[in-house]
Amino acid sequence: MLIANNLYKEHYRAMPMRHSIDELAGEQTRFLYEWKMNGKWNCLGAAAGNTLSAMQPGSAEAFILEHYWGYNKISETKTYEYQVEHISWNAGQVTDPILEADVTRLYGSKFKPYLSVQPYSAFFADGSEVIVRAAGKILYPPALQVSSAL
């Protein structure tokens, strides 16, 4: 966390965490991940089908989960680019997604309208180890100020 925050300008925080994994009827498993923030437990989870399969090219799952480049804004004129390597993941059907969190405190008020409603989609993947490789910084020229006076 210290390296990511200081070297790559990430904004990670350490919090107490816990999790539970419970087998359900109908070939499903419920995954629940919780973190304690400001004295209150927040949670993210869902029930996922136990049968996993390769993601279909062009699917929403592939769009969200199968990307291999990351970007992090360092300043108004600099963006850090990094490459993420991992095997192709398998996905399972998700039911009953849950997010009970202080969205405003966690992500900022701009995210509250989107993360405080029933989700449009939820994804589950088996995941794997990843390798993160530094690619470099992308520099942008400062935005030009355009006068509105004629």
C-alpha atoms as a PDB file:
ATOM      1  CA  MET A   1       0.000   0.000   0.000  1.00  0.00           C
ATOM      2  CA  LEU A   2       2.771   2.457   0.859  1.00  0.00           C
ATOM      3  CA  ILE A   3       4.535   1.820  -2.452  1.00  0.00           C
ATOM      4  CA  ALA A   4       1.313   2.131  -4.479  1.00  0.00           C
ATOM      5  CA  ASN A   5       0.278   5.351  -2.709  1.00  0.00           C
ATOM      6  CA  ASN A   6       3.675   7.022  -2.805  1.00  0.00           C
ATOM      7  CA  LEU A   7       5.178   5.788  -6.058  1.00  0.00           C
ATOM      8  CA  TYR A   8       2.046   5.425  -8.198  1.00  0.00           C
ATOM      9  CA  LYS A   9      -0.128   8.095  -6.512  1.00  0.00           C
ATOM     10  CA  GLU A  10      -2.882   5.618  -5.646  1.00  0.00           C
ATOM     11  CA  HIS A  11      -5.284   6.337  -2.780  1.00  0.00           C
ATOM     12  CA  TYR A  12      -5.425   3.011  -0.925  1.00  0.00           C
ATOM     13  CA  ARG A  13      -6.387   2.850   2.754  1.00  0.00           C
ATOM     14  CA  ALA A  14      -6.003   0.018   5.256  1.00  0.00           C
ATOM     15  CA  MET A  15      -9.158  -1.039   7.103  1.00  0.00           C
ATOM     16  CA  PRO A  16     -10.163  -4.037   9.229  1.00  0.00           C
ATOM     17  CA  MET A  17     -11.703  -6.673   6.975  1.00  0.00           C
ATOM     18  CA  ARG A  18     -13.554  -9.965   7.168  1.00  0.00           C
ATOM     19  CA  HIS A  19     -15.257 -12.291   4.732  1.00  0.00           C
ATOM     20  CA  SER A  20     -17.590 -15.262   4.559  1.00  0.00           C
ATOM     21  CA  ILE A  21     -18.170 -17.900   1.892  1.00  0.00           C
ATOM     22  CA  ASP A  22     -21.318 -20.015   2.251  1.00  0.00           C
ATOM     23  CA  GLU A  23     -22.567 -22.844   0.057  1.00  0.00           C
ATOM     24  CA  LEU A  24     -26.200 -22.332  -1.001  1.00  0.00           C
ATOM     25  CA  ALA A  25     -28.799 -24.604  -2.529  1.00  0.00           C
ATOM     26  CA  GLY A  26     -29.025 -24.708  -6.294  1.00  0.00           C
ATOM     27  CA  GLU A  27     -25.292 -24.956  -6.992  1.00  0.00           C
ATOM     28  CA  GLN A  28     -24.521 -21.456  -5.755  1.00  0.00           C
ATOM     29  CA  THR A  29     -22.093 -19.904  -3.292  1.00  0.00           C
ATOM     30  CA  ARG A  30     -22.575 -16.623  -1.421  1.00  0.00           C
ATOM     31  CA  PHE A  31     -19.475 -14.467  -1.103  1.00  0.00           C
ATOM     32  CA  LEU A  32     -19.525 -11.568   1.342  1.00  0.00           C
ATOM     33  CA  TYR A  33     -16.603  -9.183   1.869  1.00  0.00           C
ATOM     34  CA  GLU A  34     -16.735  -6.582   4.630  1.00  0.00           C
ATOM     35  CA  TRP A  35     -14.583  -3.684   5.756  1.00  0.00           C
ATOM     36  CA  LYS A  36     -14.894  -1.493   8.836  1.00  0.00           C
ATOM     37  CA  MET A  37     -14.851   2.223   8.115  1.00  0.00           C
ATOM     38  CA  ASN A  38     -15.430   4.830  10.822  1.00  0.00           C
ATOM     39  CA  GLY A  39     -16.727   2.208  13.248  1.00  0.00           C
ATOM     40  CA  LYS A  40     -19.300   0.711  10.863  1.00  0.00           C
ATOM     41  CA  TRP A  41     -19.122  -2.503   8.833  1.00  0.00           C
ATOM     42  CA  ASN A  42     -19.691  -2.071   5.075  1.00  0.00           C
ATOM     43  CA  CYS A  43     -20.212  -5.014   2.733  1.00  0.00           C
ATOM     44  CA  LEU A  44     -20.014  -6.106  -0.889  1.00  0.00           C
ATOM     45  CA  GLY A  45     -21.133  -9.513  -2.041  1.00  0.00           C
ATOM     46  CA  ALA A  46     -23.366 -11.727  -4.133  1.00  0.00           C
ATOM     47  CA  ALA A  47     -24.416 -15.276  -4.776  1.00  0.00           C
ATOM     48  CA  ALA A  48     -22.601 -16.790  -7.750  1.00  0.00           C
ATOM     49  CA  GLY A  49     -23.168 -19.972  -9.680  1.00  0.00           C
ATOM     50  CA  ASN A  50     -20.639 -22.717  -9.002  1.00  0.00           C
ATOM     51  CA  THR A  51     -20.293 -23.462 -12.718  1.00  0.00           C
ATOM     52  CA  LEU A  52     -17.743 -21.149 -14.277  1.00  0.00           C
ATOM     53  CA  SER A  53     -17.115 -20.806 -17.993  1.00  0.00           C
ATOM     54  CA  ALA A  54     -14.934 -18.811 -20.349  1.00  0.00           C
ATOM     55  CA  MET A  55     -16.171 -15.296 -21.011  1.00  0.00           C
ATOM     56  CA  GLN A  56     -17.604 -14.745 -24.458  1.00  0.00           C
ATOM     57  CA  PRO A  57     -15.668 -12.220 -26.567  1.00  0.00           C
ATOM     58  CA  GLY A  58     -17.635  -8.983 -26.751  1.00  0.00           C
ATOM     59  CA  SER A  59     -19.690  -9.761 -23.628  1.00  0.00           C
ATOM     60  CA  ALA A  60     -20.166  -7.265 -20.800  1.00  0.00           C
ATOM     61  CA  GLU A  61     -18.085  -9.556 -18.554  1.00  0.00           C
ATOM     62  CA  ALA A  62     -15.192  -9.553 -21.019  1.00  0.00           C
ATOM     63  CA  PHE A  63     -15.407  -5.768 -21.414  1.00  0.00           C
ATOM     64  CA  ILE A  64     -15.127  -5.210 -17.654  1.00  0.00           C
ATOM     65  CA  LEU A  65     -12.774  -8.037 -16.648  1.00  0.00           C
ATOM     66  CA  GLU A  66     -10.513  -8.652 -19.642  1.00  0.00           C
ATOM     67  CA  HIS A  67      -8.485  -5.475 -19.830  1.00  0.00           C
ATOM     68  CA  TYR A  68      -4.743  -5.429 -19.576  1.00  0.00           C
ATOM     69  CA  TRP A  69      -3.846  -1.761 -19.214  1.00  0.00           C
ATOM     70  CA  GLY A  70      -4.491   0.555 -16.282  1.00  0.00           C
ATOM     71  CA  TYR A  71      -4.265   4.298 -15.926  1.00  0.00           C
ATOM     72  CA  ASN A  72      -3.987   6.541 -12.887  1.00  0.00           C
ATOM     73  CA  LYS A  73      -4.214  10.323 -12.921  1.00  0.00           C
ATOM     74  CA  ILE A  74      -1.160  11.816 -11.224  1.00  0.00           C
ATOM     75  CA  SER A  75      -1.890  15.476 -11.975  1.00  0.00           C
ATOM     76  CA  GLU A  76      -3.788  17.591 -14.493  1.00  0.00           C
ATOM     77  CA  THR A  77      -1.047  16.959 -17.059  1.00  0.00           C
ATOM     78  CA  LYS A  78       0.304  13.509 -16.130  1.00  0.00           C
ATOM     79  CA  THR A  79      -1.242  10.044 -16.213  1.00  0.00           C
ATOM     80  CA  TYR A  80       0.547   6.888 -15.103  1.00  0.00           C
ATOM     81  CA  GLU A  81       0.108   3.891 -17.431  1.00  0.00           C
ATOM     82  CA  TYR A  82       0.721   0.309 -16.359  1.00  0.00           C
ATOM     83  CA  GLN A  83       0.279  -3.136 -17.887  1.00  0.00           C
ATOM     84  CA  VAL A  84      -1.565  -5.941 -16.075  1.00  0.00           C
ATOM     85  CA  GLU A  85      -0.872  -9.544 -17.079  1.00  0.00           C
ATOM     86  CA  HIS A  86      -3.035 -12.491 -16.060  1.00  0.00           C
ATOM     87  CA  ILE A  87      -4.526 -15.621 -17.526  1.00  0.00           C
ATOM     88  CA  SER A  88      -8.006 -15.345 -19.000  1.00  0.00           C
ATOM     89  CA  TRP A  89     -10.556 -15.650 -16.202  1.00  0.00           C
ATOM     90  CA  ASN A  90     -13.735 -17.715 -16.072  1.00  0.00           C
ATOM     91  CA  ALA A  91     -17.039 -16.142 -15.046  1.00  0.00           C
ATOM     92  CA  GLY A  92     -20.128 -17.355 -13.186  1.00  0.00           C
ATOM     93  CA  GLN A  93     -23.745 -16.222 -13.128  1.00  0.00           C
ATOM     94  CA  VAL A  94     -24.458 -13.701 -10.348  1.00  0.00           C
ATOM     95  CA  THR A  95     -27.681 -13.339  -8.351  1.00  0.00           C
ATOM     96  CA  ASP A  96     -28.555 -11.215  -5.341  1.00  0.00           C
ATOM     97  CA  PRO A  97     -25.724  -8.654  -5.509  1.00  0.00           C
ATOM     98  CA  ILE A  98     -25.327  -6.505  -2.402  1.00  0.00           C
ATOM     99  CA  LEU A  99     -23.488  -3.274  -1.666  1.00  0.00           C
ATOM    100  CA  GLU A 100     -24.150  -1.762   1.729  1.00  0.00           C
ATOM    101  CA  ALA A 101     -21.591   0.971   2.178  1.00  0.00           C
ATOM    102  CA  ASP A 102     -21.096   4.622   2.955  1.00  0.00           C
ATOM    103  CA  VAL A 103     -20.618   5.394  -0.735  1.00  0.00           C
ATOM    104  CA  THR A 104     -20.092   9.116  -0.217  1.00  0.00           C
ATOM    105  CA  ARG A 105     -17.311   8.637   2.315  1.00  0.00           C
ATOM    106  CA  LEU A 106     -15.725   5.793   0.367  1.00  0.00           C
ATOM    107  CA  TYR A 107     -15.843   7.146  -3.209  1.00  0.00           C
ATOM    108  CA  GLY A 108     -17.180  10.711  -3.008  1.00  0.00           C
ATOM    109  CA  SER A 109     -20.608  12.269  -3.468  1.00  0.00           C
ATOM    110  CA  LYS A 110     -20.461  12.057  -7.277  1.00  0.00           C
ATOM    111  CA  PHE A 111     -20.733   8.246  -7.076  1.00  0.00           C
ATOM    112  CA  LYS A 112     -23.693   8.118  -4.661  1.00  0.00           C
ATOM    113  CA  PRO A 113     -26.484   8.283  -7.298  1.00  0.00           C
ATOM    114  CA  TYR A 114     -24.956   5.341  -9.169  1.00  0.00           C
ATOM    115  CA  LEU A 115     -23.929   3.111  -6.276  1.00  0.00           C
ATOM    116  CA  SER A 116     -27.018   3.606  -4.092  1.00  0.00           C
ATOM    117  CA  VAL A 117     -29.505   1.921  -6.443  1.00  0.00           C
ATOM    118  CA  GLN A 118     -30.137  -1.655  -7.550  1.00  0.00           C
ATOM    119  CA  PRO A 119     -27.216  -2.613  -9.822  1.00  0.00           C
ATOM    120  CA  TYR A 120     -27.736  -2.937 -13.549  1.00  0.00           C
ATOM    121  CA  SER A 121     -25.109  -5.673 -13.726  1.00  0.00           C
ATOM    122  CA  ALA A 122     -22.828  -7.676 -11.448  1.00  0.00           C
ATOM    123  CA  PHE A 123     -19.934  -9.963 -12.377  1.00  0.00           C
ATOM    124  CA  PHE A 124     -18.084 -12.827 -10.717  1.00  0.00           C
ATOM    125  CA  ALA A 125     -14.783 -14.263 -11.946  1.00  0.00           C
ATOM    126  CA  ASP A 126     -12.375 -16.802 -10.519  1.00  0.00           C
ATOM    127  CA  GLY A 127      -9.397 -14.458 -10.862  1.00  0.00           C
ATOM    128  CA  SER A 128      -5.724 -15.369 -10.670  1.00  0.00           C
ATOM    129  CA  GLU A 129      -2.359 -13.995  -9.749  1.00  0.00           C
ATOM    130  CA  VAL A 130      -1.442 -10.885 -11.733  1.00  0.00           C
ATOM    131  CA  ILE A 131       1.756  -9.226 -12.791  1.00  0.00           C
ATOM    132  CA  VAL A 132       1.803  -5.423 -12.943  1.00  0.00           C
ATOM    133  CA  ARG A 133       4.434  -3.827 -15.159  1.00  0.00           C
ATOM    134  CA  ALA A 134       5.206  -0.132 -15.242  1.00  0.00           C
ATOM    135  CA  ALA A 135       4.825   1.321 -18.711  1.00  0.00           C
ATOM    136  CA  GLY A 136       5.437   5.006 -18.039  1.00  0.00           C
ATOM    137  CA  LYS A 137       3.857   8.412 -17.800  1.00  0.00           C
ATOM    138  CA  ILE A 138       1.650  10.017 -20.409  1.00  0.00           C
ATOM    139  CA  LEU A 139       2.098  13.781 -20.532  1.00  0.00           C
ATOM    140  CA  TYR A 140      -0.626  16.120 -21.718  1.00  0.00           C
ATOM    141  CA  PRO A 141      -0.109  19.794 -22.496  1.00  0.00           C
ATOM    142  CA  PRO A 142      -2.032  22.132 -20.188  1.00  0.00           C
ATOM    143  CA  ALA A 143      -5.495  23.002 -21.476  1.00  0.00           C
ATOM    144  CA  LEU A 144      -5.604  26.242 -23.427  1.00  0.00           C
ATOM    145  CA  GLN A 145      -7.691  29.015 -21.949  1.00  0.00           C
ATOM    146  CA  VAL A 146     -10.187  30.283 -24.507  1.00  0.00           C
ATOM    147  CA  SER A 147     -11.668  33.710 -23.979  1.00  0.00           C
ATOM    148  CA  SER A 148     -15.414  34.006 -24.388  1.00  0.00           C
ATOM    149  CA  ALA A 149     -15.144  37.738 -25.098  1.00  0.00           C
ATOM    150  CA  LEU A 150     -15.601  38.743 -28.722  1.00  0.00           C
END
